[in-house]
Protein backbone atom coordinates (compact mmCIF):
# COMPACT_ATOMS: atom_id res chain seq x y z
CA MET A 1 214.99 160.80 65.83
CA SER A 2 211.30 160.44 65.50
CA GLU A 3 209.04 158.37 63.38
CA SER A 4 209.08 161.23 60.77
CA GLU A 5 212.73 160.87 60.24
CA VAL A 6 213.05 157.14 59.23
CA PRO A 7 212.82 156.40 55.52
CA ARG A 8 209.19 155.13 55.09
CA LYS A 9 208.26 157.00 51.76
CA GLU A 10 208.68 154.80 48.68
CA ALA A 11 210.89 156.43 46.43
CA ASN A 12 211.29 153.73 43.84
CA VAL A 13 210.46 150.18 43.01
CA LEU A 14 213.01 148.10 41.12
CA LYS A 15 211.60 145.35 39.01
CA GLY A 16 213.24 142.96 36.85
CA HIS A 17 213.87 139.80 38.87
CA GLU A 18 211.99 136.76 38.22
CA GLY A 19 211.01 135.28 41.54
CA ALA A 20 212.09 136.02 45.04
CA VAL A 21 214.83 138.52 45.41
CA LEU A 22 217.03 136.93 48.13
CA ALA A 23 219.54 140.09 49.05
CA ALA A 24 219.76 143.65 48.09
CA ARG A 25 223.09 145.76 49.21
CA PHE A 26 224.05 149.51 48.82
CA ASN A 27 227.64 149.84 47.45
CA SER A 28 230.15 151.73 49.74
CA ASP A 29 229.10 155.16 48.72
CA GLY A 30 225.32 154.41 48.31
CA ASN A 31 225.13 155.51 44.71
CA TYR A 32 224.16 152.01 43.36
CA CYS A 33 223.09 148.66 44.80
CA LEU A 34 223.15 145.16 43.74
CA SER A 35 220.59 142.55 44.12
CA CYS A 36 220.48 138.69 43.67
CA GLY A 37 217.83 136.13 43.75
CA LYS A 38 216.05 132.95 42.87
CA ASP A 39 216.31 133.59 39.07
CA ARG A 40 219.98 132.87 39.15
CA THR A 41 221.09 136.43 38.46
CA ILE A 42 222.69 139.49 40.01
CA ARG A 43 221.65 142.74 39.01
CA LEU A 44 223.08 146.35 39.43
CA TRP A 45 220.82 149.38 39.87
CA ASN A 46 220.98 153.04 40.32
CA PRO A 47 218.32 152.98 43.00
CA HIS A 48 217.79 156.78 43.36
CA ARG A 49 216.81 156.90 39.62
CA GLY A 50 215.04 153.65 39.50
CA ILE A 51 217.19 152.35 36.65
CA HIS A 52 218.57 148.86 36.03
CA ILE A 53 222.21 149.05 34.88
CA LYS A 54 223.35 145.35 34.25
CA THR A 55 222.64 141.82 34.79
CA TYR A 56 225.31 139.21 35.61
CA LYS A 57 224.47 135.74 34.79
CA SER A 58 226.67 132.61 35.50
CA HIS A 59 225.30 130.92 38.65
CA ALA A 60 223.64 127.50 38.06
CA ARG A 61 221.27 127.90 41.11
CA GLU A 62 219.74 130.88 42.96
CA VAL A 63 222.17 133.39 44.11
CA ARG A 64 221.98 134.14 47.88
CA ASP A 65 224.33 137.05 48.57
CA VAL A 66 226.54 139.54 46.85
CA HIS A 67 229.15 142.05 47.88
CA VAL A 68 231.07 144.78 46.05
CA THR A 69 234.56 146.12 46.63
CA PRO A 70 234.80 149.74 47.85
CA ASP A 71 236.24 150.78 44.61
CA ASN A 72 233.10 149.18 42.78
CA SER A 73 235.43 147.22 40.40
CA LYS A 74 234.93 143.70 41.78
CA LEU A 75 231.94 141.78 43.19
CA CYS A 76 231.62 138.26 44.76
CA SER A 77 228.41 136.15 45.02
CA CYS A 78 227.48 132.81 46.21
CA GLY A 79 224.32 130.48 46.34
CA GLY A 80 222.76 127.09 45.51
CA ASP A 81 225.51 125.94 43.21
CA ARG A 82 228.02 125.84 46.17
CA GLN A 83 230.40 128.12 44.45
CA ILE A 84 231.84 131.61 45.04
CA PHE A 85 231.86 133.80 42.03
CA TYR A 86 234.36 136.58 41.67
CA TRP A 87 233.33 139.19 39.02
CA ASP A 88 234.55 142.17 37.18
CA VAL A 89 231.89 144.58 37.48
CA SER A 90 232.31 146.54 34.32
CA THR A 91 232.79 143.77 31.86
CA GLY A 92 230.39 141.27 33.53
CA ARG A 93 233.21 138.52 33.40
CA VAL A 94 233.68 135.93 35.92
CA ILE A 95 237.38 136.18 37.01
CA ARG A 96 237.53 133.18 39.23
CA LYS A 97 235.25 130.56 40.71
CA PHE A 98 236.08 129.17 44.17
CA ARG A 99 234.85 125.74 44.81
CA GLY A 100 235.22 123.75 47.94
CA HIS A 101 231.99 124.20 50.08
CA ASP A 102 230.11 120.94 50.55
CA GLY A 103 226.84 122.46 50.42
CA GLU A 104 224.90 125.66 49.64
CA VAL A 105 226.75 129.01 50.36
CA ASN A 106 224.64 131.47 52.42
CA ALA A 107 226.88 134.78 52.73
CA VAL A 108 229.95 136.26 51.24
CA LYS A 109 231.90 139.35 52.22
CA PHE A 110 235.11 141.13 50.81
CA ASN A 111 237.74 142.15 53.52
CA GLU A 112 238.59 145.73 53.65
CA TYR A 113 241.48 145.23 51.08
CA SER A 114 239.21 143.47 48.67
CA SER A 115 241.96 140.82 48.45
CA VAL A 116 240.14 138.15 50.45
CA VAL A 117 236.60 136.86 50.27
CA VAL A 118 235.12 135.00 53.15
CA SER A 119 232.03 132.66 52.75
CA ALA A 120 229.62 131.01 54.98
CA GLY A 121 228.09 127.62 54.11
CA TYR A 122 225.63 125.17 55.01
CA ASP A 123 228.53 122.77 55.46
CA GLN A 124 229.05 124.29 58.79
CA SER A 125 232.25 126.12 57.76
CA LEU A 126 233.58 129.66 57.13
CA ARG A 127 236.09 129.78 54.23
CA ALA A 128 238.74 132.42 53.18
CA TRP A 129 239.60 132.72 49.57
CA ASP A 130 242.41 134.71 48.16
CA CYS A 131 241.30 136.86 45.16
CA ARG A 132 244.67 137.48 43.84
CA SER A 133 246.05 133.98 43.83
CA HIS A 134 245.30 131.47 41.13
CA SER A 135 244.86 128.66 43.78
CA THR A 136 241.32 127.50 44.08
CA GLU A 137 242.16 126.29 47.55
CA PRO A 138 240.75 128.22 50.56
CA ILE A 139 243.64 129.96 52.52
CA GLN A 140 241.59 129.31 55.78
CA ILE A 141 238.82 127.21 56.88
CA ILE A 142 236.97 127.58 60.16
CA ASP A 143 234.86 124.54 61.06
CA SER A 144 234.16 124.75 64.74
CA PHE A 145 230.39 125.37 64.13
CA SER A 146 227.89 122.63 64.78
CA ASP A 147 225.14 123.71 62.14
CA SER A 148 224.68 125.83 59.04
CA VAL A 149 226.63 129.15 59.16
CA MET A 150 224.30 131.64 57.77
CA SER A 151 226.11 135.14 57.72
CA VAL A 152 229.65 136.58 58.10
CA CYS A 153 231.11 139.98 59.26
CA LEU A 154 234.53 141.14 58.86
CA THR A 155 236.81 143.55 60.89
CA LYS A 156 240.65 144.40 60.31
CA SER A 157 241.58 141.30 62.24
CA GLU A 158 238.62 139.19 62.75
CA ILE A 159 236.08 136.97 61.03
CA ILE A 160 232.52 136.83 62.72
CA GLY A 161 230.14 133.98 61.88
CA GLY A 162 226.40 133.58 62.85
CA SER A 163 225.08 130.15 62.95
CA VAL A 164 222.07 128.03 63.12
CA ASP A 165 223.73 126.25 66.22
CA GLY A 166 222.94 129.28 68.18
CA THR A 167 226.32 130.93 68.30
CA VAL A 168 227.97 134.05 67.17
CA ARG A 169 231.66 133.25 66.93
CA THR A 170 234.54 135.57 66.64
CA PHE A 171 238.07 134.47 65.20
CA ASP A 172 240.89 136.73 65.68
CA ILE A 173 242.98 135.82 62.66
CA ARG A 174 246.25 137.37 64.01
CA ILE A 175 246.45 135.58 67.14
CA GLY A 176 244.19 132.39 66.36
CA ARG A 177 242.01 133.00 68.96
CA GLU A 178 237.99 132.01 68.96
CA ILE A 179 235.41 133.56 71.20
CA SER A 180 231.98 132.06 71.03
CA ASP A 181 228.82 133.70 72.30
CA ASP A 182 225.84 131.28 72.56
CA LEU A 183 222.40 132.90 72.02
CA GLY A 184 220.38 129.87 72.43
CA GLN A 185 218.46 130.39 69.43
CA PRO A 186 219.44 129.82 65.83
CA VAL A 187 221.06 132.78 64.13
CA ASN A 188 220.29 133.52 60.68
CA CYS A 189 221.92 136.86 60.19
CA ILE A 190 224.47 139.19 61.81
CA SER A 191 225.45 142.80 61.20
CA MET A 192 227.90 144.97 62.79
CA SER A 193 227.20 148.54 64.41
CA ASN A 194 228.88 151.37 62.62
CA ASP A 195 231.06 152.08 65.72
CA GLY A 196 232.05 148.52 65.64
CA ASN A 197 231.27 147.88 69.26
CA CYS A 198 228.22 145.79 68.82
CA ILE A 199 226.81 142.91 66.87
CA LEU A 200 223.11 142.62 65.88
CA ALA A 201 221.85 139.01 65.31
CA SER A 202 218.63 138.05 63.98
CA CYS A 203 217.39 134.83 65.54
CA LEU A 204 214.68 132.40 64.55
CA ASP A 205 212.49 133.01 67.54
CA SER A 206 211.42 136.36 65.93
CA THR A 207 213.98 138.31 68.12
CA LEU A 208 216.93 140.48 67.24
CA ARG A 209 219.49 140.66 69.88
CA LEU A 210 222.23 143.27 70.36
CA LEU A 211 225.56 142.03 71.75
CA ASP A 212 228.54 143.95 73.17
CA ARG A 213 231.45 142.70 70.90
CA THR A 214 233.97 143.04 73.87
CA SER A 215 232.22 141.34 76.59
CA GLY A 216 229.54 139.38 74.61
CA GLU A 217 226.87 140.89 77.14
CA LEU A 218 223.32 140.87 75.83
CA LEU A 219 222.66 144.54 75.59
CA GLN A 220 219.08 144.49 74.23
CA GLU A 221 216.29 142.53 72.19
CA TYR A 222 214.04 143.92 69.74
CA LYS A 223 210.75 142.13 69.01
CA GLY A 224 207.37 142.56 66.97
CA HIS A 225 208.36 141.13 63.73
CA THR A 226 207.91 137.54 62.50
CA CYS A 227 211.11 135.67 61.60
CA LYS A 228 210.75 131.79 62.08
CA SER A 229 211.65 130.01 58.86
CA TYR A 230 213.34 132.50 56.39
CA LYS A 231 216.83 134.26 56.41
CA LEU A 232 216.03 137.85 57.13
CA ASP A 233 218.35 140.68 57.06
CA CYS A 234 218.83 143.17 59.97
CA CYS A 235 220.89 146.21 60.45
CA LEU A 236 221.51 149.47 62.09
CA THR A 237 220.88 152.83 60.57
CA ASN A 238 223.77 154.86 59.54
CA THR A 239 223.88 156.78 62.89
CA ASP A 240 223.43 153.76 64.86
CA ALA A 241 220.29 155.39 66.39
CA HIS A 242 217.67 152.54 65.16
CA VAL A 243 217.57 148.99 64.37
CA THR A 244 215.98 147.81 61.31
CA GLY A 245 214.86 144.64 59.87
CA GLY A 246 212.19 142.78 57.84
CA SER A 247 209.37 140.59 58.79
CA GLU A 248 207.89 137.57 57.05
CA ASP A 249 204.45 139.35 56.78
CA GLY A 250 206.00 142.10 54.42
CA PHE A 251 206.55 144.62 57.07
CA ILE A 252 209.64 146.72 57.98
CA TYR A 253 210.28 147.61 61.51
CA PHE A 254 212.42 150.23 63.10
CA TRP A 255 213.30 149.99 66.77
CA ASP A 256 214.91 152.57 69.04
CA LEU A 257 218.37 151.18 69.67
CA VAL A 258 218.51 152.01 73.42
CA ASP A 259 215.02 151.32 74.59
CA ALA A 260 213.90 148.72 71.93
CA SER A 261 210.74 150.46 71.34
CA VAL A 262 209.14 150.12 67.76
CA VAL A 263 209.57 153.58 66.33
CA SER A 264 207.84 152.64 63.08
CA SER A 265 206.57 149.71 61.30
CA PHE A 266 204.75 149.73 57.96
CA ARG A 267 204.05 147.26 55.12
CA ALA A 268 206.71 147.37 52.55
CA HIS A 269 206.05 144.39 50.46
CA SER A 270 203.29 141.74 49.55
CA SER A 271 205.34 138.85 50.79
CA VAL A 272 208.57 137.99 53.06
CA VAL A 273 211.01 140.93 53.28
CA THR A 274 214.34 139.05 52.83
CA SER A 275 216.74 141.85 53.01
CA VAL A 276 217.37 145.32 54.29
CA SER A 277 220.47 147.62 53.49
CA TYR A 278 220.84 151.21 54.81
CA HIS A 279 222.51 153.94 52.95
CA PRO A 280 225.86 154.79 54.20
CA LYS A 281 225.27 158.53 54.61
CA ASP A 282 221.60 159.48 53.78
CA SER A 283 218.35 158.56 55.35
CA CYS A 284 217.42 155.87 52.66
CA MET A 285 217.22 152.36 52.56
CA ILE A 286 216.46 149.58 50.34
CA THR A 287 214.43 146.43 50.87
CA ALA A 288 214.09 143.17 48.93
CA SER A 289 211.27 140.50 49.10
CA VAL A 290 210.28 137.23 47.97
CA ASP A 291 207.47 139.40 45.89
CA GLY A 292 210.38 139.86 43.48
CA THR A 293 211.01 143.65 44.02
CA ILE A 294 213.47 145.91 45.67
CA ARG A 295 212.05 148.84 47.04
CA VAL A 296 213.73 152.31 47.89
CA TRP A 297 212.62 154.15 50.79
CA LYS A 298 213.41 157.85 51.74
CA THR A 299 212.38 160.22 54.38
């Protein structure tokens, strides 16, 4: 895959947020995307046609993360008001609010059955919430971190958290085992490879690190971008051929997964690129920025 095959042509600019966009995420089939930001809203878009579909308002502070179920019927969100909101996508109604974090909530993810939401917080904990129960208490609290938990990934049987304490911790829910990998640098985002074998971690020393999930071995490091003070997303392309991430100077970088060379880098935004999300099937990605826009990139 050469530079010509990574998505670097701007196909659309999605405008509507007032202030920084903090996250943008494709839905599971890649036909839609969701964004959230400083203006306390979540927005649903058709990024391919450049159309804004719906706005979701109920958060009292900035919205930091959003995730939608595989069937597109529900979404969850979190942010500065310390709450996790569970929404009906079509009506825009908040079905439930989960309270319990003692600080801002940085990240949320549904499990694969859409029955549980796991949240990561400034209070140094991961919390799991049952969407189907009317109880507002978490069904699980993981509090072995020693600093803010910034990001969370889920597998069938594990919860994986990345923290400012420099660790990526994996909790096997079935057997109650915890494995901790210490990267020695604050972690602000983690993302799983599509084959499930690796974790990509963005660290605040302007380095992305690729870890083997089984052994914890550091497989590769990716450098060139600037990431020192913002939470910046990172992810792998849908073929796992490239690693991609944003930079505080408005650039996007693509690295070769294996040899870590920079395949492509270009200015995508006029300010910090907070979020990147890669299409599940096509050569297409969306990026979000402090400049208030979401941009759609194709080959």
